[in-house]
Amino acid sequence: MRIALVPLFVMAMLSGISGLAGANTPVTPPAAVVTPAQVAPDVQVMTINLNTADEATLQRELSGVGAAKARAIVAYRQANGDFASADELLEVKGIGKAIYEKNRDKVAVN
């Protein structure tokens, strides 16, 4: 009978010790959640006026627009007059939806 009580006593001791070990662990509050707005300040996107920009500016500032596409934009403007809206950029040969979508926020007509 004494042998049967020893494992029970050992189990009781171990469970008591493990309970004490967790009792002294300090509780830390969760870390503050940082949103992207808190990390980076507002970035101003430079707007390119399609009716006044030259080839060099178009090529430098617009994504996916090289010398040939910049030349096509200026040629379209000279042939058809000022752009009525930024969407009209889709009418320029070589400018598709993908290039337009990349640059939608960068272009304007004034």
PDB file of N, CA and C in Angstrom:
ATOM      1  N   MET A   1       0.816  -1.182   0.000  1.00  0.00           N
ATOM      2  CA  MET A   1       0.000   0.000   0.000  1.00  0.00           C
ATOM      3  C   MET A   1       0.864   1.252   0.000  1.00  0.00           C
ATOM      4  N   ARG A   2       1.969   1.188   0.707  1.00  0.00           N
ATOM      5  CA  ARG A   2       2.881   2.316   0.747  1.00  0.00           C
ATOM      6  C   ARG A   2       3.440   2.581  -0.654  1.00  0.00           C
ATOM      7  N   ILE A   3       3.714   1.534  -1.425  1.00  0.00           N
ATOM      8  CA  ILE A   3       4.260   1.665  -2.766  1.00  0.00           C
ATOM      9  C   ILE A   3       3.224   2.318  -3.676  1.00  0.00           C
ATOM     10  N   ALA A   4       1.955   2.050  -3.496  1.00  0.00           N
ATOM     11  CA  ALA A   4       0.900   2.627  -4.319  1.00  0.00           C
ATOM     12  C   ALA A   4       0.733   4.115  -4.031  1.00  0.00           C
ATOM     13  N   LEU A   5       1.022   4.561  -2.834  1.00  0.00           N
ATOM     14  CA  LEU A   5       0.870   5.966  -2.470  1.00  0.00           C
ATOM     15  C   LEU A   5       2.036   6.830  -2.966  1.00  0.00           C
ATOM     16  N   VAL A   6       3.202   6.249  -3.138  1.00  0.00           N
ATOM     17  CA  VAL A   6       4.382   7.018  -3.557  1.00  0.00           C
ATOM     18  C   VAL A   6       4.169   7.647  -4.936  1.00  0.00           C
ATOM     19  N   PRO A   7       3.709   6.908  -5.954  1.00  0.00           N
ATOM     20  CA  PRO A   7       3.496   7.560  -7.257  1.00  0.00           C
ATOM     21  C   PRO A   7       2.448   8.673  -7.184  1.00  0.00           C
ATOM     22  N   LEU A   8       1.419   8.482  -6.367  1.00  0.00           N
ATOM     23  CA  LEU A   8       0.414   9.527  -6.223  1.00  0.00           C
ATOM     24  C   LEU A   8       1.008  10.770  -5.577  1.00  0.00           C
ATOM     25  N   PHE A   9       1.854  10.575  -4.587  1.00  0.00           N
ATOM     26  CA  PHE A   9       2.508  11.687  -3.904  1.00  0.00           C
ATOM     27  C   PHE A   9       3.443  12.436  -4.869  1.00  0.00           C
ATOM     28  N   VAL A  10       4.197  11.667  -5.666  1.00  0.00           N
ATOM     29  CA  VAL A  10       5.116  12.280  -6.636  1.00  0.00           C
ATOM     30  C   VAL A  10       4.319  13.075  -7.679  1.00  0.00           C
ATOM     31  N   MET A  11       3.220  12.528  -8.162  1.00  0.00           N
ATOM     32  CA  MET A  11       2.389  13.222  -9.143  1.00  0.00           C
ATOM     33  C   MET A  11       1.826  14.517  -8.562  1.00  0.00           C
ATOM     34  N   ALA A  12       1.394  14.464  -7.311  1.00  0.00           N
ATOM     35  CA  ALA A  12       0.844  15.649  -6.665  1.00  0.00           C
ATOM     36  C   ALA A  12       1.912  16.723  -6.523  1.00  0.00           C
ATOM     37  N   MET A  13       3.128  16.326  -6.190  1.00  0.00           N
ATOM     38  CA  MET A  13       4.232  17.274  -6.039  1.00  0.00           C
ATOM     39  C   MET A  13       4.579  17.922  -7.387  1.00  0.00           C
ATOM     40  N   LEU A  14       4.650  17.092  -8.430  1.00  0.00           N
ATOM     41  CA  LEU A  14       5.006  17.621  -9.739  1.00  0.00           C
ATOM     42  C   LEU A  14       3.939  18.577 -10.271  1.00  0.00           C
ATOM     43  N   SER A  15       2.689  18.247 -10.074  1.00  0.00           N
ATOM     44  CA  SER A  15       1.635  19.131 -10.565  1.00  0.00           C
ATOM     45  C   SER A  15       1.619  20.434  -9.772  1.00  0.00           C
ATOM     46  N   GLY A  16       1.937  20.387  -8.522  1.00  0.00           N
ATOM     47  CA  GLY A  16       2.005  21.599  -7.709  1.00  0.00           C
ATOM     48  C   GLY A  16       3.174  22.477  -8.111  1.00  0.00           C
ATOM     49  N   ILE A  17       4.303  21.865  -8.417  1.00  0.00           N
ATOM     50  CA  ILE A  17       5.485  22.630  -8.815  1.00  0.00           C
ATOM     51  C   ILE A  17       5.263  23.279 -10.176  1.00  0.00           C
ATOM     52  N   SER A  18       4.680  22.534 -11.115  1.00  0.00           N
ATOM     53  CA  SER A  18       4.454  23.115 -12.442  1.00  0.00           C
ATOM     54  C   SER A  18       3.437  24.249 -12.366  1.00  0.00           C
ATOM     55  N   GLY A  19       2.489  24.163 -11.475  1.00  0.00           N
ATOM     56  CA  GLY A  19       1.520  25.237 -11.296  1.00  0.00           C
ATOM     57  C   GLY A  19       2.173  26.481 -10.731  1.00  0.00           C
ATOM     58  N   LEU A  20       3.138  26.316  -9.844  1.00  0.00           N
ATOM     59  CA  LEU A  20       3.843  27.454  -9.272  1.00  0.00           C
ATOM     60  C   LEU A  20       4.748  28.123 -10.297  1.00  0.00           C
ATOM     61  N   ALA A  21       5.326  27.341 -11.170  1.00  0.00           N
ATOM     62  CA  ALA A  21       6.224  27.905 -12.171  1.00  0.00           C
ATOM     63  C   ALA A  21       5.464  28.852 -13.095  1.00  0.00           C
ATOM     64  N   GLY A  22       4.256  28.519 -13.449  1.00  0.00           N
ATOM     65  CA  GLY A  22       3.463  29.373 -14.324  1.00  0.00           C
ATOM     66  C   GLY A  22       2.899  30.576 -13.597  1.00  0.00           C
ATOM     67  N   ALA A  23       2.744  30.502 -12.291  1.00  0.00           N
ATOM     68  CA  ALA A  23       2.151  31.584 -11.529  1.00  0.00           C
ATOM     69  C   ALA A  23       3.060  32.804 -11.474  1.00  0.00           C
ATOM     70  N   ASN A  24       4.364  32.623 -11.553  1.00  0.00           N
ATOM     71  CA  ASN A  24       5.291  33.744 -11.453  1.00  0.00           C
ATOM     72  C   ASN A  24       5.625  34.377 -12.802  1.00  0.00           C
ATOM     73  N   THR A  25       5.095  33.835 -13.872  1.00  0.00           N
ATOM     74  CA  THR A  25       5.386  34.378 -15.192  1.00  0.00           C
ATOM     75  C   THR A  25       4.613  35.675 -15.373  1.00  0.00           C
ATOM     76  N   PRO A  26       5.322  36.772 -15.648  1.00  0.00           N
ATOM     77  CA  PRO A  26       4.612  38.042 -15.815  1.00  0.00           C
ATOM     78  C   PRO A  26       3.807  38.043 -17.120  1.00  0.00           C
ATOM     79  N   VAL A  27       2.688  38.693 -17.067  1.00  0.00           N
ATOM     80  CA  VAL A  27       1.833  38.802 -18.242  1.00  0.00           C
ATOM     81  C   VAL A  27       2.208  40.091 -18.965  1.00  0.00           C
ATOM     82  N   THR A  28       2.573  39.960 -20.223  1.00  0.00           N
ATOM     83  CA  THR A  28       2.936  41.149 -20.992  1.00  0.00           C
ATOM     84  C   THR A  28       1.773  41.532 -21.890  1.00  0.00           C
ATOM     85  N   PRO A  29       1.506  42.815 -21.990  1.00  0.00           N
ATOM     86  CA  PRO A  29       0.419  43.247 -22.868  1.00  0.00           C
ATOM     87  C   PRO A  29       0.819  43.034 -24.322  1.00  0.00           C
ATOM     88  N   PRO A  30      -0.151  42.854 -25.195  1.00  0.00           N
ATOM     89  CA  PRO A  30       0.177  42.651 -26.611  1.00  0.00           C
ATOM     90  C   PRO A  30       0.852  43.897 -27.186  1.00  0.00           C
ATOM     91  N   ALA A  31       1.731  43.666 -28.128  1.00  0.00           N
ATOM     92  CA  ALA A  31       2.433  44.775 -28.772  1.00  0.00           C
ATOM     93  C   ALA A  31       1.449  45.592 -29.599  1.00  0.00           C
ATOM     94  N   ALA A  32       1.743  46.853 -29.734  1.00  0.00           N
ATOM     95  CA  ALA A  32       0.892  47.725 -30.537  1.00  0.00           C
ATOM     96  C   ALA A  32       0.963  47.312 -32.000  1.00  0.00           C
ATOM     97  N   VAL A  33      -0.162  47.351 -32.649  1.00  0.00           N
ATOM     98  CA  VAL A  33      -0.218  47.008 -34.067  1.00  0.00           C
ATOM     99  C   VAL A  33       0.124  48.261 -34.864  1.00  0.00           C
ATOM    100  N   VAL A  34       1.077  48.132 -35.765  1.00  0.00           N
ATOM    101  CA  VAL A  34       1.499  49.261 -36.582  1.00  0.00           C
ATOM    102  C   VAL A  34       0.906  49.100 -37.973  1.00  0.00           C
ATOM    103  N   THR A  35       0.166  50.095 -38.390  1.00  0.00           N
ATOM    104  CA  THR A  35      -0.422  50.058 -39.727  1.00  0.00           C
ATOM    105  C   THR A  35       0.510  50.760 -40.702  1.00  0.00           C
ATOM    106  N   PRO A  36       0.411  50.454 -41.985  1.00  0.00           N
ATOM    107  CA  PRO A  36       1.285  51.103 -42.963  1.00  0.00           C
ATOM    108  C   PRO A  36       1.203  52.627 -42.928  1.00  0.00           C
ATOM    109  N   ALA A  37       0.045  53.170 -42.597  1.00  0.00           N
ATOM    110  CA  ALA A  37      -0.092  54.621 -42.548  1.00  0.00           C
ATOM    111  C   ALA A  37       0.789  55.220 -41.458  1.00  0.00           C
ATOM    112  N   GLN A  38       1.039  54.466 -40.390  1.00  0.00           N
ATOM    113  CA  GLN A  38       1.880  54.957 -39.318  1.00  0.00           C
ATOM    114  C   GLN A  38       3.356  54.846 -39.666  1.00  0.00           C
ATOM    115  N   VAL A  39       3.698  53.952 -40.553  1.00  0.00           N
ATOM    116  CA  VAL A  39       5.094  53.716 -40.892  1.00  0.00           C
ATOM    117  C   VAL A  39       5.589  54.721 -41.919  1.00  0.00           C
ATOM    118  N   ALA A  40       4.856  54.871 -43.003  1.00  0.00           N
ATOM    119  CA  ALA A  40       5.309  55.739 -44.092  1.00  0.00           C
ATOM    120  C   ALA A  40       4.429  56.977 -44.175  1.00  0.00           C
ATOM    121  N   PRO A  41       5.039  58.134 -44.335  1.00  0.00           N
ATOM    122  CA  PRO A  41       4.234  59.343 -44.506  1.00  0.00           C
ATOM    123  C   PRO A  41       3.557  59.326 -45.872  1.00  0.00           C
ATOM    124  N   ASP A  42       2.548  60.161 -46.006  1.00  0.00           N
ATOM    125  CA  ASP A  42       1.857  60.245 -47.293  1.00  0.00           C
ATOM    126  C   ASP A  42       2.845  60.652 -48.377  1.00  0.00           C
ATOM    127  N   VAL A  43       2.796  59.942 -49.472  1.00  0.00           N
ATOM    128  CA  VAL A  43       3.697  60.214 -50.585  1.00  0.00           C
ATOM    129  C   VAL A  43       2.895  60.894 -51.681  1.00  0.00           C
ATOM    130  N   GLN A  44       3.360  62.042 -52.108  1.00  0.00           N
ATOM    131  CA  GLN A  44       2.709  62.748 -53.196  1.00  0.00           C
ATOM    132  C   GLN A  44       3.162  62.149 -54.521  1.00  0.00           C
ATOM    133  N   VAL A  45       2.216  61.776 -55.351  1.00  0.00           N
ATOM    134  CA  VAL A  45       2.531  61.251 -56.672  1.00  0.00           C
ATOM    135  C   VAL A  45       2.542  62.434 -57.636  1.00  0.00           C
ATOM    136  N   MET A  46       3.623  62.550 -58.397  1.00  0.00           N
ATOM    137  CA  MET A  46       3.733  63.633 -59.362  1.00  0.00           C
ATOM    138  C   MET A  46       2.764  63.372 -60.507  1.00  0.00           C
ATOM    139  N   THR A  47       1.965  64.368 -60.853  1.00  0.00           N
ATOM    140  CA  THR A  47       1.008  64.232 -61.940  1.00  0.00           C
ATOM    141  C   THR A  47       1.591  64.844 -63.211  1.00  0.00           C
ATOM    142  N   ILE A  48       1.520  64.089 -64.288  1.00  0.00           N
ATOM    143  CA  ILE A  48       2.025  64.526 -65.581  1.00  0.00           C
ATOM    144  C   ILE A  48       0.847  65.007 -66.420  1.00  0.00           C
ATOM    145  N   ASN A  49       0.935  66.229 -66.921  1.00  0.00           N
ATOM    146  CA  ASN A  49      -0.109  66.765 -67.787  1.00  0.00           C
ATOM    147  C   ASN A  49       0.138  66.244 -69.196  1.00  0.00           C
ATOM    148  N   LEU A  50      -0.756  65.408 -69.679  1.00  0.00           N
ATOM    149  CA  LEU A  50      -0.606  64.815 -71.007  1.00  0.00           C
ATOM    150  C   LEU A  50      -0.621  65.858 -72.125  1.00  0.00           C
ATOM    151  N   ASN A  51      -1.192  67.021 -71.860  1.00  0.00           N
ATOM    152  CA  ASN A  51      -1.298  68.043 -72.900  1.00  0.00           C
ATOM    153  C   ASN A  51      -0.074  68.947 -72.996  1.00  0.00           C
ATOM    154  N   THR A  52       0.825  68.876 -72.031  1.00  0.00           N
ATOM    155  CA  THR A  52       1.999  69.752 -72.068  1.00  0.00           C
ATOM    156  C   THR A  52       3.322  69.009 -71.933  1.00  0.00           C
ATOM    157  N   ALA A  53       3.297  67.761 -71.509  1.00  0.00           N
ATOM    158  CA  ALA A  53       4.543  67.018 -71.267  1.00  0.00           C
ATOM    159  C   ALA A  53       5.272  66.728 -72.570  1.00  0.00           C
ATOM    160  N   ASP A  54       6.595  66.846 -72.518  1.00  0.00           N
ATOM    161  CA  ASP A  54       7.395  66.509 -73.693  1.00  0.00           C
ATOM    162  C   ASP A  54       7.776  65.030 -73.649  1.00  0.00           C
ATOM    163  N   GLU A  55       8.414  64.560 -74.710  1.00  0.00           N
ATOM    164  CA  GLU A  55       8.781  63.143 -74.805  1.00  0.00           C
ATOM    165  C   GLU A  55       9.668  62.699 -73.646  1.00  0.00           C
ATOM    166  N   ALA A  56      10.647  63.509 -73.296  1.00  0.00           N
ATOM    167  CA  ALA A  56      11.588  63.138 -72.228  1.00  0.00           C
ATOM    168  C   ALA A  56      10.865  62.969 -70.895  1.00  0.00           C
ATOM    169  N   THR A  57       9.935  63.865 -70.595  1.00  0.00           N
ATOM    170  CA  THR A  57       9.183  63.781 -69.337  1.00  0.00           C
ATOM    171  C   THR A  57       8.301  62.543 -69.319  1.00  0.00           C
ATOM    172  N   LEU A  58       7.612  62.289 -70.406  1.00  0.00           N
ATOM    173  CA  LEU A  58       6.746  61.107 -70.485  1.00  0.00           C
ATOM    174  C   LEU A  58       7.556  59.833 -70.302  1.00  0.00           C
ATOM    175  N   GLN A  59       8.695  59.774 -70.955  1.00  0.00           N
ATOM    176  CA  GLN A  59       9.547  58.580 -70.870  1.00  0.00           C
ATOM    177  C   GLN A  59      10.100  58.400 -69.460  1.00  0.00           C
ATOM    178  N   ARG A  60      10.496  59.478 -68.830  1.00  0.00           N
ATOM    179  CA  ARG A  60      11.114  59.415 -67.509  1.00  0.00           C
ATOM    180  C   ARG A  60      10.096  59.109 -66.403  1.00  0.00           C
ATOM    181  N   GLU A  61       8.906  59.668 -66.501  1.00  0.00           N
ATOM    182  CA  GLU A  61       7.954  59.615 -65.390  1.00  0.00           C
ATOM    183  C   GLU A  61       6.910  58.507 -65.477  1.00  0.00           C
ATOM    184  N   LEU A  62       6.663  57.990 -66.657  1.00  0.00           N
ATOM    185  CA  LEU A  62       5.608  56.986 -66.796  1.00  0.00           C
ATOM    186  C   LEU A  62       6.190  55.582 -66.887  1.00  0.00           C
ATOM    187  N   SER A  63       5.613  54.668 -66.148  1.00  0.00           N
ATOM    188  CA  SER A  63       6.062  53.273 -66.137  1.00  0.00           C
ATOM    189  C   SER A  63       5.699  52.587 -67.442  1.00  0.00           C
ATOM    190  N   GLY A  64       6.668  51.890 -68.024  1.00  0.00           N
ATOM    191  CA  GLY A  64       6.424  51.140 -69.245  1.00  0.00           C
ATOM    192  C   GLY A  64       6.406  51.980 -70.508  1.00  0.00           C
ATOM    193  N   VAL A  65       6.754  53.259 -70.385  1.00  0.00           N
ATOM    194  CA  VAL A  65       6.773  54.147 -71.544  1.00  0.00           C
ATOM    195  C   VAL A  65       8.224  54.471 -71.877  1.00  0.00           C
ATOM    196  N   GLY A  66       8.653  53.966 -73.025  1.00  0.00           N
ATOM    197  CA  GLY A  66       9.999  54.252 -73.510  1.00  0.00           C
ATOM    198  C   GLY A  66       9.949  55.357 -74.546  1.00  0.00           C
ATOM    199  N   ALA A  67      11.029  55.478 -75.298  1.00  0.00           N
ATOM    200  CA  ALA A  67      11.134  56.550 -76.293  1.00  0.00           C
ATOM    201  C   ALA A  67      10.047  56.447 -77.362  1.00  0.00           C
ATOM    202  N   ALA A  68       9.789  55.246 -77.863  1.00  0.00           N
ATOM    203  CA  ALA A  68       8.803  55.075 -78.939  1.00  0.00           C
ATOM    204  C   ALA A  68       7.392  55.416 -78.469  1.00  0.00           C
ATOM    205  N   LYS A  69       7.014  54.978 -77.275  1.00  0.00           N
ATOM    206  CA  LYS A  69       5.664  55.258 -76.774  1.00  0.00           C
ATOM    207  C   LYS A  69       5.516  56.734 -76.409  1.00  0.00           C
ATOM    208  N   ALA A  70       6.559  57.323 -75.862  1.00  0.00           N
ATOM    209  CA  ALA A  70       6.513  58.753 -75.552  1.00  0.00           C
ATOM    210  C   ALA A  70       6.347  59.557 -76.840  1.00  0.00           C
ATOM    211  N   ARG A  71       7.059  59.169 -77.873  1.00  0.00           N
ATOM    212  CA  ARG A  71       6.957  59.827 -79.180  1.00  0.00           C
ATOM    213  C   ARG A  71       5.536  59.659 -79.744  1.00  0.00           C
ATOM    214  N   ALA A  72       4.948  58.472 -79.554  1.00  0.00           N
ATOM    215  CA  ALA A  72       3.587  58.214 -80.038  1.00  0.00           C
ATOM    216  C   ALA A  72       2.558  59.066 -79.296  1.00  0.00           C
ATOM    217  N   ILE A  73       2.761  59.281 -78.008  1.00  0.00           N
ATOM    218  CA  ILE A  73       1.833  60.117 -77.228  1.00  0.00           C
ATOM    219  C   ILE A  73       1.875  61.551 -77.742  1.00  0.00           C
ATOM    220  N   VAL A  74       3.075  62.075 -77.938  1.00  0.00           N
ATOM    221  CA  VAL A  74       3.213  63.449 -78.434  1.00  0.00           C
ATOM    222  C   VAL A  74       2.654  63.564 -79.853  1.00  0.00           C
ATOM    223  N   ALA A  75       2.913  62.572 -80.697  1.00  0.00           N
ATOM    224  CA  ALA A  75       2.395  62.590 -82.072  1.00  0.00           C
ATOM    225  C   ALA A  75       0.869  62.551 -82.079  1.00  0.00           C
ATOM    226  N   TYR A  76       0.275  61.753 -81.211  1.00  0.00           N
ATOM    227  CA  TYR A  76      -1.189  61.678 -81.117  1.00  0.00           C
ATOM    228  C   TYR A  76      -1.753  63.041 -80.717  1.00  0.00           C
ATOM    229  N   ARG A  77      -1.121  63.667 -79.747  1.00  0.00           N
ATOM    230  CA  ARG A  77      -1.581  64.978 -79.272  1.00  0.00           C
ATOM    231  C   ARG A  77      -1.478  66.020 -80.391  1.00  0.00           C
ATOM    232  N   GLN A  78      -0.402  65.984 -81.158  1.00  0.00           N
ATOM    233  CA  GLN A  78      -0.224  66.946 -82.250  1.00  0.00           C
ATOM    234  C   GLN A  78      -1.236  66.706 -83.375  1.00  0.00           C
ATOM    235  N   ALA A  79      -1.561  65.447 -83.622  1.00  0.00           N
ATOM    236  CA  ALA A  79      -2.494  65.111 -84.703  1.00  0.00           C
ATOM    237  C   ALA A  79      -3.955  65.331 -84.320  1.00  0.00           C
ATOM    238  N   ASN A  80      -4.290  65.114 -83.045  1.00  0.00           N
ATOM    239  CA  ASN A  80      -5.695  65.132 -82.616  1.00  0.00           C
ATOM    240  C   ASN A  80      -6.046  66.267 -81.667  1.00  0.00           C
ATOM    241  N   GLY A  81      -5.106  67.075 -81.307  1.00  0.00           N
ATOM    242  CA  GLY A  81      -5.362  68.137 -80.338  1.00  0.00           C
ATOM    243  C   GLY A  81      -5.182  67.616 -78.919  1.00  0.00           C
ATOM    244  N   ASP A  82      -5.424  68.495 -77.967  1.00  0.00           N
ATOM    245  CA  ASP A  82      -5.239  68.134 -76.556  1.00  0.00           C
ATOM    246  C   ASP A  82      -6.107  66.943 -76.160  1.00  0.00           C
ATOM    247  N   PHE A  83      -5.593  66.190 -75.200  1.00  0.00           N
ATOM    248  CA  PHE A  83      -6.351  65.074 -74.635  1.00  0.00           C
ATOM    249  C   PHE A  83      -7.544  65.642 -73.875  1.00  0.00           C
ATOM    250  N   ALA A  84      -8.719  65.083 -74.093  1.00  0.00           N
ATOM    251  CA  ALA A  84      -9.918  65.508 -73.373  1.00  0.00           C
ATOM    252  C   ALA A  84      -9.979  64.863 -71.992  1.00  0.00           C
ATOM    253  N   SER A  85      -9.439  63.645 -71.884  1.00  0.00           N
ATOM    254  CA  SER A  85      -9.403  62.942 -70.600  1.00  0.00           C
ATOM    255  C   SER A  85      -8.200  62.008 -70.600  1.00  0.00           C
ATOM    256  N   ALA A  86      -7.814  61.572 -69.423  1.00  0.00           N
ATOM    257  CA  ALA A  86      -6.677  60.655 -69.309  1.00  0.00           C
ATOM    258  C   ALA A  86      -6.987  59.323 -69.990  1.00  0.00           C
ATOM    259  N   ASP A  87      -8.261  58.939 -70.016  1.00  0.00           N
ATOM    260  CA  ASP A  87      -8.660  57.679 -70.664  1.00  0.00           C
ATOM    261  C   ASP A  87      -8.329  57.669 -72.154  1.00  0.00           C
ATOM    262  N   GLU A  88      -8.249  58.838 -72.750  1.00  0.00           N
ATOM    263  CA  GLU A  88      -7.950  58.942 -74.177  1.00  0.00           C
ATOM    264  C   GLU A  88      -6.542  58.418 -74.492  1.00  0.00           C
ATOM    265  N   LEU A  89      -5.727  58.293 -73.473  1.00  0.00           N
ATOM    266  CA  LEU A  89      -4.379  57.732 -73.650  1.00  0.00           C
ATOM    267  C   LEU A  89      -4.452  56.327 -74.246  1.00  0.00           C
ATOM    268  N   LEU A  90      -5.546  55.628 -73.997  1.00  0.00           N
ATOM    269  CA  LEU A  90      -5.735  54.282 -74.551  1.00  0.00           C
ATOM    270  C   LEU A  90      -5.845  54.287 -76.079  1.00  0.00           C
ATOM    271  N   GLU A  91      -6.121  55.435 -76.661  1.00  0.00           N
ATOM    272  CA  GLU A  91      -6.230  55.547 -78.118  1.00  0.00           C
ATOM    273  C   GLU A  91      -4.861  55.619 -78.799  1.00  0.00           C
ATOM    274  N   VAL A  92      -3.818  55.877 -78.018  1.00  0.00           N
ATOM    275  CA  VAL A  92      -2.467  56.006 -78.572  1.00  0.00           C
ATOM    276  C   VAL A  92      -1.932  54.621 -78.905  1.00  0.00           C
ATOM    277  N   LYS A  93      -1.361  54.493 -80.104  1.00  0.00           N
ATOM    278  CA  LYS A  93      -0.794  53.214 -80.534  1.00  0.00           C
ATOM    279  C   LYS A  93       0.326  52.806 -79.573  1.00  0.00           C
ATOM    280  N   GLY A  94       0.231  51.578 -79.064  1.00  0.00           N
ATOM    281  CA  GLY A  94       1.246  51.055 -78.154  1.00  0.00           C
ATOM    282  C   GLY A  94       0.888  51.190 -76.683  1.00  0.00           C
ATOM    283  N   ILE A  95      -0.161  51.946 -76.383  1.00  0.00           N
ATOM    284  CA  ILE A  95      -0.595  52.100 -74.989  1.00  0.00           C
ATOM    285  C   ILE A  95      -1.823  51.224 -74.788  1.00  0.00           C
ATOM    286  N   GLY A  96      -1.654  50.182 -73.998  1.00  0.00           N
ATOM    287  CA  GLY A  96      -2.761  49.280 -73.704  1.00  0.00           C
ATOM    288  C   GLY A  96      -3.255  49.471 -72.285  1.00  0.00           C
ATOM    289  N   LYS A  97      -4.184  48.613 -71.900  1.00  0.00           N
ATOM    290  CA  LYS A  97      -4.771  48.705 -70.561  1.00  0.00           C
ATOM    291  C   LYS A  97      -3.725  48.564 -69.463  1.00  0.00           C
ATOM    292  N   ALA A  98      -2.772  47.656 -69.643  1.00  0.00           N
ATOM    293  CA  ALA A  98      -1.770  47.420 -68.594  1.00  0.00           C
ATOM    294  C   ALA A  98      -0.942  48.675 -68.329  1.00  0.00           C
ATOM    295  N   ILE A  99      -0.464  49.302 -69.377  1.00  0.00           N
ATOM    296  CA  ILE A  99       0.341  50.521 -69.201  1.00  0.00           C
ATOM    297  C   ILE A  99      -0.530  51.643 -68.655  1.00  0.00           C
ATOM    298  N   TYR A 100      -1.748  51.749 -69.149  1.00  0.00           N
ATOM    299  CA  TYR A 100      -2.650  52.788 -68.649  1.00  0.00           C
ATOM    300  C   TYR A 100      -2.919  52.606 -67.153  1.00  0.00           C
ATOM    301  N   GLU A 101      -3.212  51.378 -66.736  1.00  0.00           N
ATOM    302  CA  GLU A 101      -3.506  51.117 -65.324  1.00  0.00           C
ATOM    303  C   GLU A 101      -2.309  51.441 -64.429  1.00  0.00           C
ATOM    304  N   LYS A 102      -1.092  51.139 -64.895  1.00  0.00           N
ATOM    305  CA  LYS A 102       0.110  51.454 -64.108  1.00  0.00           C
ATOM    306  C   LYS A 102       0.264  52.955 -63.901  1.00  0.00           C
ATOM    307  N   ASN A 103      -0.208  53.733 -64.857  1.00  0.00           N
ATOM    308  CA  ASN A 103       0.038  55.172 -64.846  1.00  0.00           C
ATOM    309  C   ASN A 103      -1.198  56.024 -64.612  1.00  0.00           C
ATOM    310  N   ARG A 104      -2.316  55.406 -64.355  1.00  0.00           N
ATOM    311  CA  ARG A 104      -3.582  56.137 -64.214  1.00  0.00           C
ATOM    312  C   ARG A 104      -3.488  57.282 -63.205  1.00  0.00           C
ATOM    313  N   ASP A 105      -2.845  57.040 -62.077  1.00  0.00           N
ATOM    314  CA  ASP A 105      -2.754  58.067 -61.036  1.00  0.00           C
ATOM    315  C   ASP A 105      -1.657  59.087 -61.311  1.00  0.00           C
ATOM    316  N   LYS A 106      -0.855  58.851 -62.322  1.00  0.00           N
ATOM    317  CA  LYS A 106       0.254  59.758 -62.630  1.00  0.00           C
ATOM    318  C   LYS A 106      -0.085  60.762 -63.726  1.00  0.00           C
ATOM    319  N   VAL A 107      -1.165  60.523 -64.460  1.00  0.00           N
ATOM    320  CA  VAL A 107      -1.481  61.385 -65.600  1.00  0.00           C
ATOM    321  C   VAL A 107      -2.756  62.185 -65.366  1.00  0.00           C
ATOM    322  N   ALA A 108      -2.777  63.360 -65.972  1.00  0.00           N
ATOM    323  CA  ALA A 108      -3.949  64.227 -65.890  1.00  0.00           C
ATOM    324  C   ALA A 108      -3.995  65.080 -67.148  1.00  0.00           C
ATOM    325  N   VAL A 109      -5.133  65.692 -67.372  1.00  0.00           N
ATOM    326  CA  VAL A 109      -5.262  66.668 -68.454  1.00  0.00           C
ATOM    327  C   VAL A 109      -5.790  67.952 -67.827  1.00  0.00           C
ATOM    328  N   ASN A 110      -5.148  69.047 -68.131  1.00  0.00           N
ATOM    329  CA  ASN A 110      -5.560  70.336 -67.552  1.00  0.00           C
ATOM    330  C   ASN A 110      -5.905  71.311 -68.641  1.00  0.00           C
TER     331      ASN A 110
END
